[in-house]
Each structure stands twice: as C-alpha cells, then as structure tokens.
Amino acid sequence: MMKLGEAANRMSRHGVLAPDDVEWALAVANRNFIIHSTTRSTVSSRG
C-alpha cells in the first residue's frame, strides 16, 4: 500500500493521468493514513 501511494504521488505530480476508476489523491491519502497511524501507535506504545 505504501509503494502504491508513493508511486501515485509521483505520477500525479508529473501530470500522469490516472487509469479509469483510480484516484491518485485517494491512494496518496491512504498512504498518509498508514504513515500517521503507524507513527501514533509507535509513539503511544513507548508510553
């Protein structure tokens, strides 16, 4: 999922059109969600 989000971010910045039924912004948002949810759980587990 992370790699897909990173690739989508790069392609959208370079103006590559997304395939049918794909939204670059949604892939990037999912990537960002994973990053922030992992960071939160790591920080909270250190207590």
C-alpha atoms as a PDB file:
ATOM      1  CA  MET A   1       0.000   0.000   0.000  1.00  0.00           C
ATOM      2  CA  MET A   2       2.844   2.348   0.834  1.00  0.00           C
ATOM      3  CA  LYS A   3       4.560   1.785  -2.504  1.00  0.00           C
ATOM      4  CA  LEU A   4       1.301   2.361  -4.383  1.00  0.00           C
ATOM      5  CA  GLY A   5       0.736   5.629  -2.535  1.00  0.00           C
ATOM      6  CA  GLU A   6       4.284   6.793  -3.188  1.00  0.00           C
ATOM      7  CA  ALA A   7       4.006   5.945  -6.878  1.00  0.00           C
ATOM      8  CA  ALA A   8       0.621   7.657  -7.139  1.00  0.00           C
ATOM      9  CA  ASN A   9       2.069  10.770  -5.531  1.00  0.00           C
ATOM     10  CA  ARG A  10       4.948  10.869  -8.025  1.00  0.00           C
ATOM     11  CA  MET A  11       2.724  10.245 -11.032  1.00  0.00           C
ATOM     12  CA  SER A  12       0.192  12.885 -10.024  1.00  0.00           C
ATOM     13  CA  ARG A  13       2.972  15.470  -9.565  1.00  0.00           C
ATOM     14  CA  HIS A  14       4.233  14.710 -13.082  1.00  0.00           C
ATOM     15  CA  GLY A  15       0.770  15.081 -14.595  1.00  0.00           C
ATOM     16  CA  VAL A  16       0.215  11.401 -15.438  1.00  0.00           C
ATOM     17  CA  LEU A  17      -3.488  10.704 -15.826  1.00  0.00           C
ATOM     18  CA  ALA A  18      -4.917   8.031 -13.557  1.00  0.00           C
ATOM     19  CA  PRO A  19      -6.487   4.919 -15.094  1.00  0.00           C
ATOM     20  CA  ASP A  20     -10.271   4.568 -15.086  1.00  0.00           C
ATOM     21  CA  ASP A  21     -11.732   4.127 -11.587  1.00  0.00           C
ATOM     22  CA  VAL A  22      -8.465   5.184  -9.908  1.00  0.00           C
ATOM     23  CA  GLU A  23      -7.930   8.407  -7.993  1.00  0.00           C
ATOM     24  CA  TRP A  24      -4.337   9.381  -7.269  1.00  0.00           C
ATOM     25  CA  ALA A  25      -5.465  11.533  -4.354  1.00  0.00           C
ATOM     26  CA  LEU A  26      -7.166   8.579  -2.655  1.00  0.00           C
ATOM     27  CA  ALA A  27      -4.051   6.411  -2.969  1.00  0.00           C
ATOM     28  CA  VAL A  28      -1.931   9.215  -1.514  1.00  0.00           C
ATOM     29  CA  ALA A  29      -4.449   9.758   1.302  1.00  0.00           C
ATOM     30  CA  ASN A  30      -4.338   6.055   2.183  1.00  0.00           C
ATOM     31  CA  ARG A  31      -0.544   6.201   2.267  1.00  0.00           C
ATOM     32  CA  ASN A  32      -0.620   9.219   4.559  1.00  0.00           C
ATOM     33  CA  PHE A  33      -3.145   7.500   6.827  1.00  0.00           C
ATOM     34  CA  ILE A  34      -0.864   4.468   7.157  1.00  0.00           C
ATOM     35  CA  ILE A  35       2.139   6.663   7.949  1.00  0.00           C
ATOM     36  CA  HIS A  36       0.318   8.651  10.620  1.00  0.00           C
ATOM     37  CA  SER A  37      -1.478   5.705  12.209  1.00  0.00           C
ATOM     38  CA  THR A  38       1.818   3.779  12.464  1.00  0.00           C
ATOM     39  CA  THR A  39       3.571   6.788  13.961  1.00  0.00           C
ATOM     40  CA  ARG A  40       0.810   7.292  16.527  1.00  0.00           C
ATOM     41  CA  SER A  41       0.791   3.664  17.670  1.00  0.00           C
ATOM     42  CA  THR A  42       4.605   3.603  17.910  1.00  0.00           C
ATOM     43  CA  VAL A  43       4.703   6.781  19.989  1.00  0.00           C
ATOM     44  CA  SER A  44       1.845   5.714  22.277  1.00  0.00           C
ATOM     45  CA  SER A  45       3.390   2.285  22.902  1.00  0.00           C
ATOM     46  CA  ARG A  46       6.579   3.902  24.204  1.00  0.00           C
ATOM     47  CA  GLY A  47       4.488   5.473  26.964  1.00  0.00           C
END
